[in-house]
Amino acid sequence: MTESFLVKLIFWAGIGHFILCLASLLIPKALQWRKHLKNLQPLLRQMFWTYAGYILVINFCFGIVSVWGGNELVGHSFLAKSMTLFIALYWLTRIGIQFLYFDRSQAPKGFIYTLGEIGLVGMFASFTFIYFLAFFHTLA
């Protein structure tokens, strides 16, 4: 695989991160977070929203780094190795959480929700694959 092709993959993964961030703004309404979180103690509710915000910002920053720093991410520096491995492991862990931890028995049913989950997991898997490719490239 050529380095320029890998940079293009990383660029499109960055665009995918931005799309994921936009789609993430719909999740609180789709899963009725306000309704379900209103019975939590204020501190726990605030912490939940804070953690959700941190995840959104991290994903957005992955997009920034990928769209504007793709050339650096395929370099052979310690930072390139660290960043690509971190992003790959982040998304691999997210896939594991999706299937091994989340209790999806109460998840909304219907075609649109199933399609959404397939789309999200597909994005997570593609991010994992692309950043692992980049990581192994940095080792060569």
C-alpha atoms as a PDB file:
ATOM      1  CA  MET A   1       0.000   0.000   0.000  1.00  0.00           C
ATOM      2  CA  THR A   2       1.401   3.364  -0.960  1.00  0.00           C
ATOM      3  CA  GLU A   3       1.838   6.096   1.572  1.00  0.00           C
ATOM      4  CA  SER A   4      -0.301   8.515  -0.443  1.00  0.00           C
ATOM      5  CA  PHE A   5      -3.178   6.018  -0.510  1.00  0.00           C
ATOM      6  CA  LEU A   6      -2.886   5.574   3.263  1.00  0.00           C
ATOM      7  CA  VAL A   7      -2.985   9.372   3.716  1.00  0.00           C
ATOM      8  CA  LYS A   8      -6.197   9.433   1.649  1.00  0.00           C
ATOM      9  CA  LEU A   9      -7.721   6.671   3.804  1.00  0.00           C
ATOM     10  CA  ILE A  10      -6.833   8.643   6.925  1.00  0.00           C
ATOM     11  CA  PHE A  11      -8.311  11.793   5.395  1.00  0.00           C
ATOM     12  CA  TRP A  12     -11.615  10.005   4.714  1.00  0.00           C
ATOM     13  CA  ALA A  13     -11.552   8.491   8.189  1.00  0.00           C
ATOM     14  CA  GLY A  14     -11.242  12.060   9.476  1.00  0.00           C
ATOM     15  CA  ILE A  15     -14.308  13.063   7.450  1.00  0.00           C
ATOM     16  CA  GLY A  16     -16.014  10.017   8.954  1.00  0.00           C
ATOM     17  CA  HIS A  17     -15.165  11.300  12.427  1.00  0.00           C
ATOM     18  CA  PHE A  18     -16.857  14.602  11.610  1.00  0.00           C
ATOM     19  CA  ILE A  19     -19.927  12.763  10.300  1.00  0.00           C
ATOM     20  CA  LEU A  20     -19.940  10.646  13.456  1.00  0.00           C
ATOM     21  CA  CYS A  21     -19.871  13.816  15.563  1.00  0.00           C
ATOM     22  CA  LEU A  22     -22.861  15.221  13.695  1.00  0.00           C
ATOM     23  CA  ALA A  23     -24.746  11.935  14.030  1.00  0.00           C
ATOM     24  CA  SER A  24     -23.862  11.794  17.732  1.00  0.00           C
ATOM     25  CA  LEU A  25     -25.847  14.976  18.261  1.00  0.00           C
ATOM     26  CA  LEU A  26     -28.985  12.964  17.392  1.00  0.00           C
ATOM     27  CA  ILE A  27     -28.356  10.173  19.909  1.00  0.00           C
ATOM     28  CA  PRO A  28     -29.586  11.972  23.054  1.00  0.00           C
ATOM     29  CA  LYS A  29     -32.977  12.563  21.444  1.00  0.00           C
ATOM     30  CA  ALA A  30     -33.183   9.141  19.794  1.00  0.00           C
ATOM     31  CA  LEU A  31     -32.425   7.380  23.083  1.00  0.00           C
ATOM     32  CA  GLN A  32     -34.426   9.870  25.179  1.00  0.00           C
ATOM     33  CA  TRP A  33     -31.542  10.729  27.458  1.00  0.00           C
ATOM     34  CA  ARG A  34     -33.329  13.605  29.202  1.00  0.00           C
ATOM     35  CA  LYS A  35     -36.264  11.398  30.142  1.00  0.00           C
ATOM     36  CA  HIS A  36     -34.085   8.547  31.363  1.00  0.00           C
ATOM     37  CA  LEU A  37     -31.508  10.691  33.140  1.00  0.00           C
ATOM     38  CA  LYS A  38     -33.918  12.949  35.019  1.00  0.00           C
ATOM     39  CA  ASN A  39     -34.137  10.525  37.953  1.00  0.00           C
ATOM     40  CA  LEU A  40     -30.387  10.466  38.484  1.00  0.00           C
ATOM     41  CA  GLN A  41     -28.792  12.580  41.175  1.00  0.00           C
ATOM     42  CA  PRO A  42     -27.694  15.913  39.682  1.00  0.00           C
ATOM     43  CA  LEU A  43     -23.988  15.109  40.048  1.00  0.00           C
ATOM     44  CA  LEU A  44     -24.341  11.770  38.207  1.00  0.00           C
ATOM     45  CA  ARG A  45     -26.428  13.391  35.473  1.00  0.00           C
ATOM     46  CA  GLN A  46     -23.841  16.161  35.086  1.00  0.00           C
ATOM     47  CA  MET A  47     -21.029  13.626  34.965  1.00  0.00           C
ATOM     48  CA  PHE A  48     -22.869  11.639  32.276  1.00  0.00           C
ATOM     49  CA  TRP A  49     -23.288  14.724  30.077  1.00  0.00           C
ATOM     50  CA  THR A  50     -19.657  15.713  30.726  1.00  0.00           C
ATOM     51  CA  TYR A  51     -18.369  12.295  29.672  1.00  0.00           C
ATOM     52  CA  ALA A  52     -20.575  12.383  26.584  1.00  0.00           C
ATOM     53  CA  GLY A  53     -19.106  15.799  25.764  1.00  0.00           C
ATOM     54  CA  TYR A  54     -15.548  14.543  26.221  1.00  0.00           C
ATOM     55  CA  ILE A  55     -16.197  11.640  23.848  1.00  0.00           C
ATOM     56  CA  LEU A  56     -17.642  14.030  21.276  1.00  0.00           C
ATOM     57  CA  VAL A  57     -14.615  16.329  21.525  1.00  0.00           C
ATOM     58  CA  ILE A  58     -12.152  13.414  21.293  1.00  0.00           C
ATOM     59  CA  ASN A  59     -13.885  12.115  18.168  1.00  0.00           C
ATOM     60  CA  PHE A  60     -13.871  15.633  16.686  1.00  0.00           C
ATOM     61  CA  CYS A  61     -10.165  15.987  17.443  1.00  0.00           C
ATOM     62  CA  PHE A  62      -9.488  12.640  15.743  1.00  0.00           C
ATOM     63  CA  GLY A  63     -11.168  14.183  12.704  1.00  0.00           C
ATOM     64  CA  ILE A  64      -9.003  17.304  12.857  1.00  0.00           C
ATOM     65  CA  VAL A  65      -5.774  15.330  13.234  1.00  0.00           C
ATOM     66  CA  SER A  66      -6.748  12.964  10.424  1.00  0.00           C
ATOM     67  CA  VAL A  67      -7.941  15.545   7.899  1.00  0.00           C
ATOM     68  CA  TRP A  68      -5.096  18.012   8.390  1.00  0.00           C
ATOM     69  CA  GLY A  69      -2.341  15.748   9.749  1.00  0.00           C
ATOM     70  CA  GLY A  70      -2.523  12.622   7.626  1.00  0.00           C
ATOM     71  CA  ASN A  71       1.011  13.044   6.316  1.00  0.00           C
ATOM     72  CA  GLU A  72       2.338  13.266   9.845  1.00  0.00           C
ATOM     73  CA  LEU A  73       0.300  10.228  10.952  1.00  0.00           C
ATOM     74  CA  VAL A  74       2.057   8.030   8.392  1.00  0.00           C
ATOM     75  CA  GLY A  75       5.501   9.265   9.415  1.00  0.00           C
ATOM     76  CA  HIS A  76       7.797   7.070  11.430  1.00  0.00           C
ATOM     77  CA  SER A  77       8.015   9.250  14.513  1.00  0.00           C
ATOM     78  CA  PHE A  78       7.165   8.081  17.994  1.00  0.00           C
ATOM     79  CA  LEU A  79       4.191  10.465  17.958  1.00  0.00           C
ATOM     80  CA  ALA A  80       2.843   8.986  14.691  1.00  0.00           C
ATOM     81  CA  LYS A  81       3.165   5.465  16.083  1.00  0.00           C
ATOM     82  CA  SER A  82       1.553   6.461  19.378  1.00  0.00           C
ATOM     83  CA  MET A  83      -1.320   8.385  17.842  1.00  0.00           C
ATOM     84  CA  THR A  84      -2.263   5.790  15.233  1.00  0.00           C
ATOM     85  CA  LEU A  85      -2.072   2.979  17.793  1.00  0.00           C
ATOM     86  CA  PHE A  86      -4.123   5.003  20.277  1.00  0.00           C
ATOM     87  CA  ILE A  87      -6.871   5.750  17.744  1.00  0.00           C
ATOM     88  CA  ALA A  88      -6.966   2.127  16.537  1.00  0.00           C
ATOM     89  CA  LEU A  89      -7.198   0.772  20.091  1.00  0.00           C
ATOM     90  CA  TYR A  90      -9.801   3.398  21.016  1.00  0.00           C
ATOM     91  CA  TRP A  91     -12.101   2.178  18.240  1.00  0.00           C
ATOM     92  CA  LEU A  92     -11.331  -1.504  18.800  1.00  0.00           C
ATOM     93  CA  THR A  93     -12.276  -1.033  22.442  1.00  0.00           C
ATOM     94  CA  ARG A  94     -15.482   0.728  21.398  1.00  0.00           C
ATOM     95  CA  ILE A  95     -16.450  -2.265  19.256  1.00  0.00           C
ATOM     96  CA  GLY A  96     -15.784  -4.580  22.189  1.00  0.00           C
ATOM     97  CA  ILE A  97     -17.942  -2.434  24.450  1.00  0.00           C
ATOM     98  CA  GLN A  98     -20.733  -2.505  21.862  1.00  0.00           C
ATOM     99  CA  PHE A  99     -20.935  -6.294  21.800  1.00  0.00           C
ATOM    100  CA  LEU A 100     -19.538  -7.442  25.136  1.00  0.00           C
ATOM    101  CA  TYR A 101     -20.770  -4.839  27.597  1.00  0.00           C
ATOM    102  CA  PHE A 102     -23.813  -2.917  26.382  1.00  0.00           C
ATOM    103  CA  ASP A 103     -27.164  -4.432  27.303  1.00  0.00           C
ATOM    104  CA  ARG A 104     -28.963  -3.832  24.038  1.00  0.00           C
ATOM    105  CA  SER A 105     -32.191  -5.521  25.168  1.00  0.00           C
ATOM    106  CA  GLN A 106     -33.741  -2.102  25.863  1.00  0.00           C
ATOM    107  CA  ALA A 107     -32.362  -0.462  22.711  1.00  0.00           C
ATOM    108  CA  PRO A 108     -34.961   1.072  20.403  1.00  0.00           C
ATOM    109  CA  LYS A 109     -36.321  -1.361  17.846  1.00  0.00           C
ATOM    110  CA  GLY A 110     -37.010  -0.815  14.198  1.00  0.00           C
ATOM    111  CA  PHE A 111     -35.316  -0.594  10.851  1.00  0.00           C
ATOM    112  CA  ILE A 112     -33.846   2.885  11.324  1.00  0.00           C
ATOM    113  CA  TYR A 113     -32.235   1.974  14.667  1.00  0.00           C
ATOM    114  CA  THR A 114     -30.844  -1.295  13.279  1.00  0.00           C
ATOM    115  CA  LEU A 115     -29.488   0.555  10.253  1.00  0.00           C
ATOM    116  CA  GLY A 116     -27.973   3.179  12.569  1.00  0.00           C
ATOM    117  CA  GLU A 117     -26.232   0.563  14.687  1.00  0.00           C
ATOM    118  CA  ILE A 118     -24.889  -1.214  11.613  1.00  0.00           C
ATOM    119  CA  GLY A 119     -23.630   2.116  10.271  1.00  0.00           C
ATOM    120  CA  LEU A 120     -21.969   3.052  13.548  1.00  0.00           C
ATOM    121  CA  VAL A 121     -20.293  -0.299  14.055  1.00  0.00           C
ATOM    122  CA  GLY A 122     -19.195  -0.226  10.401  1.00  0.00           C
ATOM    123  CA  MET A 123     -17.588   3.160  10.987  1.00  0.00           C
ATOM    124  CA  PHE A 124     -15.908   1.937  14.178  1.00  0.00           C
ATOM    125  CA  ALA A 125     -14.546  -1.108  12.328  1.00  0.00           C
ATOM    126  CA  SER A 126     -13.273   0.956   9.398  1.00  0.00           C
ATOM    127  CA  PHE A 127     -11.583   3.414  11.770  1.00  0.00           C
ATOM    128  CA  THR A 128      -9.952   0.502  13.609  1.00  0.00           C
ATOM    129  CA  PHE A 129      -8.708  -1.023  10.359  1.00  0.00           C
ATOM    130  CA  ILE A 130      -7.396   2.236   8.876  1.00  0.00           C
ATOM    131  CA  TYR A 131      -5.505   3.352  11.972  1.00  0.00           C
ATOM    132  CA  PHE A 132      -4.016  -0.128  12.510  1.00  0.00           C
ATOM    133  CA  LEU A 133      -2.864  -0.013   8.870  1.00  0.00           C
ATOM    134  CA  ALA A 134      -1.291   3.363   9.568  1.00  0.00           C
ATOM    135  CA  PHE A 135       0.310   2.089  12.789  1.00  0.00           C
ATOM    136  CA  PHE A 136       1.890  -0.913  11.051  1.00  0.00           C
ATOM    137  CA  HIS A 137       3.049   1.394   8.272  1.00  0.00           C
ATOM    138  CA  THR A 138       4.847   3.565  10.860  1.00  0.00           C
ATOM    139  CA  LEU A 139       6.715   0.485  12.096  1.00  0.00           C
ATOM    140  CA  ALA A 140       8.150  -0.331   8.646  1.00  0.00           C
END
